[in-house]
Amino acid sequence: MPGELAGKLEPIVAEAVAGAGFDLDALEIQQAGRRKLVKVVVDADDGVGLDEVAECSRTVSAVLDSHDHLIAGAYTLEVTSPGVDRPLTRQRHWRRAKFRLVKITPHEGSAVVGRVGYAGPEAARVLVDGRIRDVAYRDVAKAVIEIEFKQPPTEDLKLLEQDAAEQTGAAGTEEEPK
């Protein structure tokens, strides 16, 4: 039942979240006793601040209240931004991880750690051991951001910027297909 309800609410919530200037990253609905827990995860290219989460929460709450016939009962709304442990599963996740260290586990082979550069429609450019290589999204079993406690090397950032300029000049835009 919660999965079916999430399917019905997802387009409604996604539209409200987009109207507030964010992307709907996830919508989960769980039964919690007599109430339902509606968890909405939102994201944006520049991240999401606490004030923005609060504003988005008010927007989503108003939309859910206007569709209370779908929820059919009491609910608790939780609006949050994705944590750093969120897997990179879409192009926009990779784009937002630009210059971050990412641990990439392929479907086949060993995991590697690299710094993300340009994120194209089919693959991301990643600096691994001083060399830039393409990582096709379809070949990735799991990719997560690695926590860093120091600034990335300036040379790495320059190399990735130069490569991104070449990629966008040759490929056009970085837009995610719909």
N, C-alpha and C. Protein backbone atom coordinates (compact mmCIF):
# COMPACT_ATOMS: atom_id res chain seq x y z
N MET A 1 0.81 -1.21 0.00
CA MET A 1 0.00 0.00 0.00
C MET A 1 0.85 1.27 0.00
N PRO A 2 1.91 1.38 0.88
CA PRO A 2 2.72 2.61 0.82
C PRO A 2 3.38 2.84 -0.53
N GLY A 3 3.83 1.77 -1.21
CA GLY A 3 4.46 1.92 -2.52
C GLY A 3 3.47 2.41 -3.56
N GLU A 4 2.25 1.89 -3.49
CA GLU A 4 1.20 2.31 -4.41
C GLU A 4 0.84 3.78 -4.17
N LEU A 5 0.75 4.16 -2.90
CA LEU A 5 0.45 5.55 -2.55
C LEU A 5 1.57 6.48 -3.02
N ALA A 6 2.81 6.05 -2.85
CA ALA A 6 3.94 6.86 -3.31
C ALA A 6 3.86 7.08 -4.82
N GLY A 7 3.46 6.05 -5.56
CA GLY A 7 3.31 6.18 -7.00
C GLY A 7 2.27 7.20 -7.39
N LYS A 8 1.18 7.27 -6.63
CA LYS A 8 0.13 8.25 -6.90
C LYS A 8 0.56 9.66 -6.52
N LEU A 9 1.31 9.78 -5.42
CA LEU A 9 1.69 11.10 -4.92
C LEU A 9 2.93 11.68 -5.60
N GLU A 10 3.77 10.82 -6.17
CA GLU A 10 5.04 11.29 -6.72
C GLU A 10 4.89 12.42 -7.74
N PRO A 11 4.02 12.32 -8.74
CA PRO A 11 3.92 13.43 -9.69
C PRO A 11 3.41 14.73 -9.04
N ILE A 12 2.54 14.59 -8.07
CA ILE A 12 1.99 15.76 -7.37
C ILE A 12 3.08 16.44 -6.55
N VAL A 13 3.83 15.63 -5.79
CA VAL A 13 4.91 16.16 -4.96
C VAL A 13 6.04 16.70 -5.83
N ALA A 14 6.37 15.99 -6.90
CA ALA A 14 7.45 16.45 -7.80
C ALA A 14 7.13 17.81 -8.39
N GLU A 15 5.89 18.03 -8.77
CA GLU A 15 5.49 19.32 -9.32
C GLU A 15 5.61 20.43 -8.27
N ALA A 16 5.20 20.14 -7.04
CA ALA A 16 5.31 21.13 -5.96
C ALA A 16 6.77 21.45 -5.66
N VAL A 17 7.60 20.42 -5.62
CA VAL A 17 9.03 20.59 -5.33
C VAL A 17 9.69 21.38 -6.46
N ALA A 18 9.35 21.06 -7.70
CA ALA A 18 9.91 21.79 -8.85
C ALA A 18 9.47 23.25 -8.81
N GLY A 19 8.22 23.49 -8.42
CA GLY A 19 7.73 24.87 -8.30
C GLY A 19 8.48 25.66 -7.26
N ALA A 20 9.03 24.97 -6.27
CA ALA A 20 9.83 25.62 -5.23
C ALA A 20 11.29 25.75 -5.66
N GLY A 21 11.63 25.24 -6.85
CA GLY A 21 12.99 25.38 -7.38
C GLY A 21 13.93 24.24 -7.06
N PHE A 22 13.38 23.07 -6.75
CA PHE A 22 14.21 21.92 -6.38
C PHE A 22 13.87 20.71 -7.24
N ASP A 23 14.70 19.69 -7.12
CA ASP A 23 14.44 18.40 -7.74
C ASP A 23 13.98 17.44 -6.66
N LEU A 24 12.98 16.63 -6.98
CA LEU A 24 12.56 15.57 -6.07
C LEU A 24 13.55 14.43 -6.24
N ASP A 25 14.30 14.15 -5.19
CA ASP A 25 15.29 13.09 -5.25
C ASP A 25 14.69 11.75 -4.85
N ALA A 26 13.78 11.79 -3.89
CA ALA A 26 13.13 10.55 -3.44
C ALA A 26 11.85 10.88 -2.70
N LEU A 27 10.90 9.97 -2.80
CA LEU A 27 9.66 10.05 -2.04
C LEU A 27 9.40 8.67 -1.47
N GLU A 28 9.32 8.60 -0.15
CA GLU A 28 9.06 7.33 0.53
C GLU A 28 7.86 7.51 1.45
N ILE A 29 7.03 6.51 1.50
CA ILE A 29 5.91 6.52 2.42
C ILE A 29 5.94 5.22 3.21
N GLN A 30 5.91 5.38 4.54
CA GLN A 30 5.93 4.21 5.43
C GLN A 30 4.76 4.32 6.39
N GLN A 31 4.24 3.18 6.78
CA GLN A 31 3.21 3.16 7.81
C GLN A 31 3.91 3.22 9.16
N ALA A 32 3.51 4.14 10.02
CA ALA A 32 4.09 4.29 11.35
C ALA A 32 2.95 4.31 12.36
N GLY A 33 2.50 3.12 12.75
CA GLY A 33 1.33 3.03 13.63
C GLY A 33 0.09 3.42 12.85
N ARG A 34 -0.65 4.37 13.40
CA ARG A 34 -1.87 4.83 12.72
C ARG A 34 -1.58 5.92 11.69
N ARG A 35 -0.41 6.45 11.75
CA ARG A 35 -0.03 7.53 10.85
C ARG A 35 0.86 7.00 9.72
N LYS A 36 0.99 7.80 8.70
CA LYS A 36 1.93 7.50 7.63
C LYS A 36 3.08 8.50 7.76
N LEU A 37 4.27 8.05 7.46
CA LEU A 37 5.44 8.93 7.39
C LEU A 37 5.72 9.17 5.91
N VAL A 38 5.62 10.44 5.51
CA VAL A 38 5.90 10.83 4.13
C VAL A 38 7.25 11.52 4.14
N LYS A 39 8.25 10.86 3.57
CA LYS A 39 9.61 11.41 3.54
C LYS A 39 9.91 11.90 2.13
N VAL A 40 10.25 13.18 2.03
CA VAL A 40 10.53 13.82 0.75
C VAL A 40 11.98 14.29 0.78
N VAL A 41 12.78 13.83 -0.16
CA VAL A 41 14.18 14.24 -0.26
C VAL A 41 14.31 15.14 -1.48
N VAL A 42 14.79 16.37 -1.23
CA VAL A 42 14.92 17.37 -2.30
C VAL A 42 16.38 17.75 -2.46
N ASP A 43 16.72 18.18 -3.68
CA ASP A 43 18.10 18.57 -3.97
C ASP A 43 18.09 19.68 -5.00
N ALA A 44 19.20 20.37 -5.12
CA ALA A 44 19.38 21.44 -6.11
C ALA A 44 20.86 21.52 -6.46
N ASP A 45 21.15 22.12 -7.58
CA ASP A 45 22.55 22.23 -8.03
C ASP A 45 23.44 22.90 -7.00
N ASP A 46 22.90 23.91 -6.30
CA ASP A 46 23.69 24.64 -5.31
C ASP A 46 23.47 24.11 -3.90
N GLY A 47 22.88 22.93 -3.77
CA GLY A 47 22.58 22.38 -2.46
C GLY A 47 21.27 22.97 -1.93
N VAL A 48 20.91 22.53 -0.74
CA VAL A 48 19.67 22.98 -0.13
C VAL A 48 19.96 23.37 1.31
N GLY A 49 19.63 24.62 1.65
CA GLY A 49 19.83 25.11 3.02
C GLY A 49 18.61 24.84 3.89
N LEU A 50 18.77 25.06 5.18
CA LEU A 50 17.69 24.80 6.13
C LEU A 50 16.47 25.67 5.86
N ASP A 51 16.68 26.93 5.54
CA ASP A 51 15.54 27.81 5.24
C ASP A 51 14.80 27.33 4.00
N GLU A 52 15.54 26.86 3.04
CA GLU A 52 14.93 26.35 1.80
C GLU A 52 14.16 25.06 2.06
N VAL A 53 14.69 24.21 2.94
CA VAL A 53 13.98 22.98 3.30
C VAL A 53 12.67 23.33 3.99
N ALA A 54 12.71 24.32 4.87
CA ALA A 54 11.50 24.74 5.58
C ALA A 54 10.45 25.28 4.61
N GLU A 55 10.89 26.10 3.66
CA GLU A 55 9.96 26.64 2.66
C GLU A 55 9.38 25.53 1.79
N CYS A 56 10.22 24.61 1.38
CA CYS A 56 9.77 23.48 0.57
C CYS A 56 8.80 22.61 1.37
N SER A 57 9.06 22.45 2.64
CA SER A 57 8.18 21.67 3.50
C SER A 57 6.78 22.29 3.57
N ARG A 58 6.72 23.60 3.68
CA ARG A 58 5.42 24.28 3.70
C ARG A 58 4.69 24.09 2.36
N THR A 59 5.42 24.18 1.27
CA THR A 59 4.82 24.00 -0.06
C THR A 59 4.28 22.59 -0.23
N VAL A 60 5.09 21.59 0.12
CA VAL A 60 4.67 20.19 -0.02
C VAL A 60 3.51 19.89 0.91
N SER A 61 3.56 20.42 2.12
CA SER A 61 2.48 20.20 3.08
C SER A 61 1.15 20.72 2.53
N ALA A 62 1.16 21.91 1.94
CA ALA A 62 -0.06 22.48 1.38
C ALA A 62 -0.60 21.61 0.25
N VAL A 63 0.29 21.10 -0.59
CA VAL A 63 -0.14 20.25 -1.70
C VAL A 63 -0.70 18.93 -1.17
N LEU A 64 -0.04 18.34 -0.19
CA LEU A 64 -0.54 17.08 0.37
C LEU A 64 -1.89 17.29 1.06
N ASP A 65 -2.04 18.42 1.74
CA ASP A 65 -3.32 18.70 2.39
C ASP A 65 -4.44 18.83 1.36
N SER A 66 -4.13 19.37 0.20
CA SER A 66 -5.16 19.50 -0.84
C SER A 66 -5.46 18.16 -1.52
N HIS A 67 -4.62 17.16 -1.27
CA HIS A 67 -4.84 15.82 -1.82
C HIS A 67 -4.98 14.81 -0.68
N ASP A 68 -5.57 15.24 0.44
CA ASP A 68 -5.67 14.36 1.60
C ASP A 68 -6.54 13.13 1.35
N HIS A 69 -7.38 13.19 0.33
CA HIS A 69 -8.18 12.02 -0.02
C HIS A 69 -7.31 10.84 -0.48
N LEU A 70 -6.12 11.15 -1.01
CA LEU A 70 -5.21 10.08 -1.42
C LEU A 70 -4.51 9.46 -0.21
N ILE A 71 -4.13 10.29 0.74
CA ILE A 71 -3.42 9.79 1.92
C ILE A 71 -4.40 9.09 2.86
N ALA A 72 -5.62 9.59 2.95
CA ALA A 72 -6.68 8.96 3.74
C ALA A 72 -6.27 8.70 5.19
N GLY A 73 -5.89 9.75 5.87
CA GLY A 73 -5.55 9.61 7.28
C GLY A 73 -4.43 10.56 7.67
N ALA A 74 -4.05 10.45 8.92
CA ALA A 74 -3.01 11.32 9.46
C ALA A 74 -1.64 10.93 8.89
N TYR A 75 -0.80 11.94 8.73
CA TYR A 75 0.55 11.68 8.25
C TYR A 75 1.52 12.66 8.88
N THR A 76 2.77 12.27 8.89
CA THR A 76 3.87 13.13 9.31
C THR A 76 4.73 13.37 8.09
N LEU A 77 5.02 14.63 7.82
CA LEU A 77 5.84 15.00 6.66
C LEU A 77 7.25 15.30 7.12
N GLU A 78 8.20 14.70 6.43
CA GLU A 78 9.62 14.95 6.67
C GLU A 78 10.26 15.35 5.35
N VAL A 79 10.73 16.60 5.26
CA VAL A 79 11.41 17.08 4.06
C VAL A 79 12.87 17.26 4.42
N THR A 80 13.74 16.72 3.61
CA THR A 80 15.16 16.75 3.91
C THR A 80 15.96 16.83 2.62
N SER A 81 17.25 17.08 2.76
CA SER A 81 18.15 17.03 1.61
C SER A 81 18.92 15.72 1.68
N PRO A 82 19.48 15.27 0.56
CA PRO A 82 20.21 14.00 0.58
C PRO A 82 21.49 14.12 1.39
N GLY A 83 21.84 13.08 2.06
CA GLY A 83 23.10 13.06 2.80
C GLY A 83 24.26 12.74 1.88
N VAL A 84 25.45 12.86 2.40
CA VAL A 84 26.63 12.57 1.58
C VAL A 84 26.73 11.10 1.24
N ASP A 85 25.99 10.27 1.95
CA ASP A 85 26.05 8.84 1.68
C ASP A 85 25.08 8.40 0.58
N ARG A 86 24.36 9.38 0.01
CA ARG A 86 23.43 9.05 -1.07
C ARG A 86 24.22 8.55 -2.28
N PRO A 87 23.82 7.42 -2.83
CA PRO A 87 24.51 6.92 -4.01
C PRO A 87 24.29 7.85 -5.21
N LEU A 88 25.27 7.94 -6.06
CA LEU A 88 25.15 8.72 -7.30
C LEU A 88 24.52 7.81 -8.34
N THR A 89 23.25 8.06 -8.63
CA THR A 89 22.52 7.18 -9.53
C THR A 89 22.04 7.88 -10.79
N ARG A 90 22.10 9.19 -10.83
CA ARG A 90 21.62 9.95 -11.99
C ARG A 90 22.69 10.94 -12.42
N GLN A 91 22.58 11.40 -13.65
CA GLN A 91 23.55 12.35 -14.17
C GLN A 91 23.64 13.58 -13.26
N ARG A 92 22.50 14.07 -12.81
CA ARG A 92 22.54 15.28 -11.98
C ARG A 92 23.29 15.05 -10.67
N HIS A 93 23.25 13.83 -10.13
CA HIS A 93 24.02 13.53 -8.92
C HIS A 93 25.52 13.66 -9.21
N TRP A 94 25.94 13.13 -10.34
CA TRP A 94 27.35 13.22 -10.73
C TRP A 94 27.73 14.67 -10.99
N ARG A 95 26.85 15.41 -11.66
CA ARG A 95 27.12 16.82 -11.95
C ARG A 95 27.30 17.61 -10.66
N ARG A 96 26.46 17.33 -9.67
CA ARG A 96 26.53 18.03 -8.39
C ARG A 96 27.72 17.59 -7.55
N ALA A 97 28.33 16.46 -7.91
CA ALA A 97 29.50 15.96 -7.20
C ALA A 97 30.81 16.44 -7.85
N LYS A 98 30.70 17.38 -8.77
CA LYS A 98 31.89 17.87 -9.48
C LYS A 98 32.97 18.28 -8.49
N PHE A 99 34.18 17.81 -8.74
CA PHE A 99 35.40 18.05 -7.96
C PHE A 99 35.45 17.26 -6.65
N ARG A 100 34.43 16.46 -6.38
CA ARG A 100 34.42 15.67 -5.15
C ARG A 100 35.06 14.31 -5.44
N LEU A 101 35.64 13.72 -4.38
CA LEU A 101 36.17 12.37 -4.48
C LEU A 101 35.00 11.40 -4.38
N VAL A 102 35.00 10.40 -5.24
CA VAL A 102 33.92 9.42 -5.27
C VAL A 102 34.52 8.03 -5.32
N LYS A 103 33.96 7.14 -4.51
CA LYS A 103 34.34 5.73 -4.57
C LYS A 103 33.37 5.05 -5.52
N ILE A 104 33.92 4.47 -6.58
CA ILE A 104 33.12 3.87 -7.64
C ILE A 104 33.33 2.37 -7.63
N THR A 105 32.23 1.65 -7.48
CA THR A 105 32.28 0.19 -7.52
C THR A 105 31.58 -0.24 -8.81
N PRO A 106 32.35 -0.78 -9.76
CA PRO A 106 31.74 -1.22 -11.02
C PRO A 106 31.02 -2.56 -10.83
N HIS A 107 30.17 -2.89 -11.80
CA HIS A 107 29.51 -4.20 -11.78
C HIS A 107 30.55 -5.31 -11.83
N GLU A 108 31.63 -5.05 -12.57
CA GLU A 108 32.72 -6.02 -12.67
C GLU A 108 34.03 -5.30 -12.40
N GLY A 109 34.89 -5.93 -11.63
CA GLY A 109 36.19 -5.34 -11.34
C GLY A 109 36.25 -4.75 -9.95
N SER A 110 37.37 -4.08 -9.68
CA SER A 110 37.62 -3.52 -8.36
C SER A 110 37.16 -2.08 -8.25
N ALA A 111 36.85 -1.67 -7.03
CA ALA A 111 36.45 -0.29 -6.77
C ALA A 111 37.64 0.64 -6.96
N VAL A 112 37.34 1.86 -7.41
CA VAL A 112 38.37 2.89 -7.56
C VAL A 112 37.85 4.17 -6.89
N VAL A 113 38.79 5.01 -6.52
CA VAL A 113 38.45 6.32 -5.98
C VAL A 113 38.98 7.36 -6.95
N GLY A 114 38.12 8.28 -7.35
CA GLY A 114 38.53 9.31 -8.30
C GLY A 114 37.77 10.60 -8.06
N ARG A 115 38.26 11.66 -8.67
CA ARG A 115 37.65 12.98 -8.53
C ARG A 115 36.79 13.25 -9.76
N VAL A 116 35.54 13.63 -9.53
CA VAL A 116 34.57 13.82 -10.61
C VAL A 116 34.82 15.12 -11.35
N GLY A 117 34.75 15.04 -12.67
CA GLY A 117 34.83 16.21 -13.52
C GLY A 117 33.51 16.39 -14.26
N TYR A 118 33.58 16.48 -15.56
CA TYR A 118 32.40 16.67 -16.41
C TYR A 118 31.47 15.45 -16.31
N ALA A 119 30.17 15.71 -16.17
CA ALA A 119 29.16 14.64 -16.14
C ALA A 119 28.30 14.76 -17.39
N GLY A 120 28.54 13.89 -18.34
CA GLY A 120 27.78 13.91 -19.59
C GLY A 120 26.53 13.06 -19.50
N PRO A 121 25.81 12.94 -20.58
CA PRO A 121 24.55 12.19 -20.57
C PRO A 121 24.73 10.69 -20.32
N GLU A 122 25.85 10.12 -20.75
CA GLU A 122 26.05 8.67 -20.64
C GLU A 122 27.16 8.28 -19.67
N ALA A 123 28.08 9.22 -19.39
CA ALA A 123 29.24 8.90 -18.56
C ALA A 123 29.77 10.16 -17.88
N ALA A 124 30.51 9.93 -16.81
CA ALA A 124 31.20 11.02 -16.12
C ALA A 124 32.69 10.88 -16.39
N ARG A 125 33.36 12.02 -16.43
CA ARG A 125 34.82 12.02 -16.55
C ARG A 125 35.36 12.06 -15.13
N VAL A 126 36.28 11.14 -14.82
CA VAL A 126 36.79 11.00 -13.46
C VAL A 126 38.31 10.93 -13.50
N LEU A 127 38.95 11.70 -12.62
CA LEU A 127 40.41 11.69 -12.51
C LEU A 127 40.80 10.60 -11.51
N VAL A 128 41.45 9.56 -12.03
CA VAL A 128 41.89 8.43 -11.21
C VAL A 128 43.39 8.26 -11.41
N ASP A 129 44.13 8.35 -10.33
CA ASP A 129 45.59 8.17 -10.39
C ASP A 129 46.24 9.06 -11.45
N GLY A 130 45.82 10.31 -11.53
CA GLY A 130 46.44 11.27 -12.45
C GLY A 130 45.96 11.20 -13.89
N ARG A 131 45.04 10.27 -14.19
CA ARG A 131 44.53 10.13 -15.56
C ARG A 131 43.02 10.31 -15.57
N ILE A 132 42.54 11.03 -16.57
CA ILE A 132 41.10 11.21 -16.71
C ILE A 132 40.54 10.06 -17.53
N ARG A 133 39.47 9.48 -17.03
CA ARG A 133 38.84 8.39 -17.75
C ARG A 133 37.32 8.53 -17.70
N ASP A 134 36.67 7.94 -18.68
CA ASP A 134 35.21 7.93 -18.71
C ASP A 134 34.69 6.78 -17.86
N VAL A 135 33.67 7.08 -17.07
CA VAL A 135 32.99 6.05 -16.30
C VAL A 135 31.53 6.07 -16.75
N ALA A 136 31.15 5.03 -17.50
CA ALA A 136 29.77 4.94 -17.99
C ALA A 136 28.85 4.64 -16.81
N TYR A 137 27.76 5.39 -16.70
CA TYR A 137 26.82 5.20 -15.60
C TYR A 137 26.30 3.76 -15.56
N ARG A 138 26.07 3.18 -16.72
CA ARG A 138 25.51 1.82 -16.78
C ARG A 138 26.47 0.78 -16.21
N ASP A 139 27.77 1.11 -16.15
CA ASP A 139 28.77 0.16 -15.64
C ASP A 139 28.98 0.27 -14.13
N VAL A 140 28.31 1.24 -13.49
CA VAL A 140 28.52 1.50 -12.06
C VAL A 140 27.49 0.75 -11.23
N ALA A 141 27.97 -0.12 -10.34
CA ALA A 141 27.06 -0.80 -9.40
C ALA A 141 26.72 0.14 -8.26
N LYS A 142 27.73 0.92 -7.80
CA LYS A 142 27.51 1.86 -6.71
C LYS A 142 28.60 2.93 -6.76
N ALA A 143 28.19 4.16 -6.48
CA ALA A 143 29.15 5.26 -6.39
C ALA A 143 28.70 6.18 -5.26
N VAL A 144 29.61 6.48 -4.35
CA VAL A 144 29.30 7.36 -3.22
C VAL A 144 30.44 8.35 -3.01
N ILE A 145 30.09 9.52 -2.52
CA ILE A 145 31.07 10.56 -2.23
C ILE A 145 31.91 10.15 -1.03
N GLU A 146 33.20 10.37 -1.14
CA GLU A 146 34.13 10.14 -0.05
C GLU A 146 34.32 11.45 0.72
N ILE A 147 34.32 11.38 2.01
CA ILE A 147 34.53 12.56 2.84
C ILE A 147 36.00 12.95 2.80
N GLU A 148 36.25 14.25 2.58
CA GLU A 148 37.62 14.76 2.56
C GLU A 148 37.78 15.81 3.65
N PHE A 149 38.92 15.84 4.27
CA PHE A 149 39.18 16.80 5.33
C PHE A 149 40.19 17.87 4.93
N LYS A 150 40.59 17.86 3.67
CA LYS A 150 41.50 18.89 3.19
C LYS A 150 41.09 19.30 1.78
N GLN A 151 41.58 20.41 1.34
CA GLN A 151 41.28 20.91 0.00
C GLN A 151 41.87 19.98 -1.05
N PRO A 152 41.16 19.81 -2.17
CA PRO A 152 41.73 18.98 -3.24
C PRO A 152 42.94 19.67 -3.86
N PRO A 153 43.85 18.90 -4.41
CA PRO A 153 45.02 19.48 -5.06
C PRO A 153 44.61 20.42 -6.21
N THR A 154 45.20 21.59 -6.25
CA THR A 154 44.90 22.60 -7.26
C THR A 154 45.13 22.06 -8.67
N GLU A 155 46.19 21.26 -8.84
CA GLU A 155 46.49 20.71 -10.16
C GLU A 155 45.36 19.81 -10.65
N ASP A 156 44.79 19.03 -9.74
CA ASP A 156 43.68 18.14 -10.12
C ASP A 156 42.48 18.96 -10.59
N LEU A 157 42.17 20.02 -9.85
CA LEU A 157 41.03 20.86 -10.21
C LEU A 157 41.24 21.54 -11.55
N LYS A 158 42.45 22.02 -11.80
CA LYS A 158 42.75 22.67 -13.08
C LYS A 158 42.61 21.68 -14.24
N LEU A 159 43.11 20.48 -14.04
CA LEU A 159 43.03 19.45 -15.07
C LEU A 159 41.57 19.11 -15.38
N LEU A 160 40.75 18.97 -14.33
CA LEU A 160 39.34 18.65 -14.53
C LEU A 160 38.58 19.81 -15.18
N GLU A 161 38.90 21.04 -14.80
CA GLU A 161 38.27 22.22 -15.41
C GLU A 161 38.60 22.29 -16.90
N GLN A 162 39.86 22.09 -17.24
CA GLN A 162 40.29 22.12 -18.63
C GLN A 162 39.59 21.02 -19.43
N ASP A 163 39.51 19.83 -18.85
CA ASP A 163 38.83 18.72 -19.52
C ASP A 163 37.34 19.03 -19.70
N ALA A 164 36.70 19.60 -18.69
CA ALA A 164 35.27 19.93 -18.77
C ALA A 164 35.03 20.97 -19.86
N ALA A 165 35.92 21.95 -19.97
CA ALA A 165 35.79 22.95 -21.02
C ALA A 165 35.87 22.31 -22.40
N GLU A 166 36.78 21.36 -22.55
CA GLU A 166 36.90 20.65 -23.82
C GLU A 166 35.65 19.81 -24.09
N GLN A 167 35.13 19.16 -23.07
CA GLN A 167 33.95 18.31 -23.23
C GLN A 167 32.71 19.14 -23.58
N THR A 168 32.51 20.24 -22.89
CA THR A 168 31.32 21.05 -23.15
C THR A 168 31.44 21.78 -24.48
N GLY A 169 32.65 22.11 -24.88
CA GLY A 169 32.85 22.72 -26.19
C GLY A 169 32.56 21.75 -27.31
N ALA A 170 32.91 20.47 -27.07
CA ALA A 170 32.70 19.45 -28.09
C ALA A 170 31.31 18.86 -28.02
N ALA A 171 30.75 18.75 -26.80
CA ALA A 171 29.49 18.03 -26.64
C ALA A 171 28.28 18.96 -26.54
N GLY A 172 28.49 20.23 -26.34
CA GLY A 172 27.34 21.13 -26.19
C GLY A 172 27.01 21.34 -24.74
N THR A 173 25.83 20.94 -24.30
CA THR A 173 25.40 21.23 -22.94
C THR A 173 25.53 20.01 -22.04
N GLU A 174 25.35 20.26 -20.74
CA GLU A 174 25.42 19.21 -19.75
C GLU A 174 24.05 18.78 -19.27
N GLU A 175 23.00 19.14 -19.96
CA GLU A 175 21.64 18.89 -19.48
C GLU A 175 21.33 17.41 -19.43
N GLU A 176 20.60 17.02 -18.38
CA GLU A 176 20.18 15.64 -18.19
C GLU A 176 18.96 15.38 -19.06
N PRO A 177 18.96 14.26 -19.78
CA PRO A 177 17.79 13.96 -20.59
C PRO A 177 16.57 13.72 -19.69
N LYS A 178 15.41 14.07 -20.18
CA LYS A 178 14.18 13.90 -19.38
C LYS A 178 13.64 12.51 -19.53
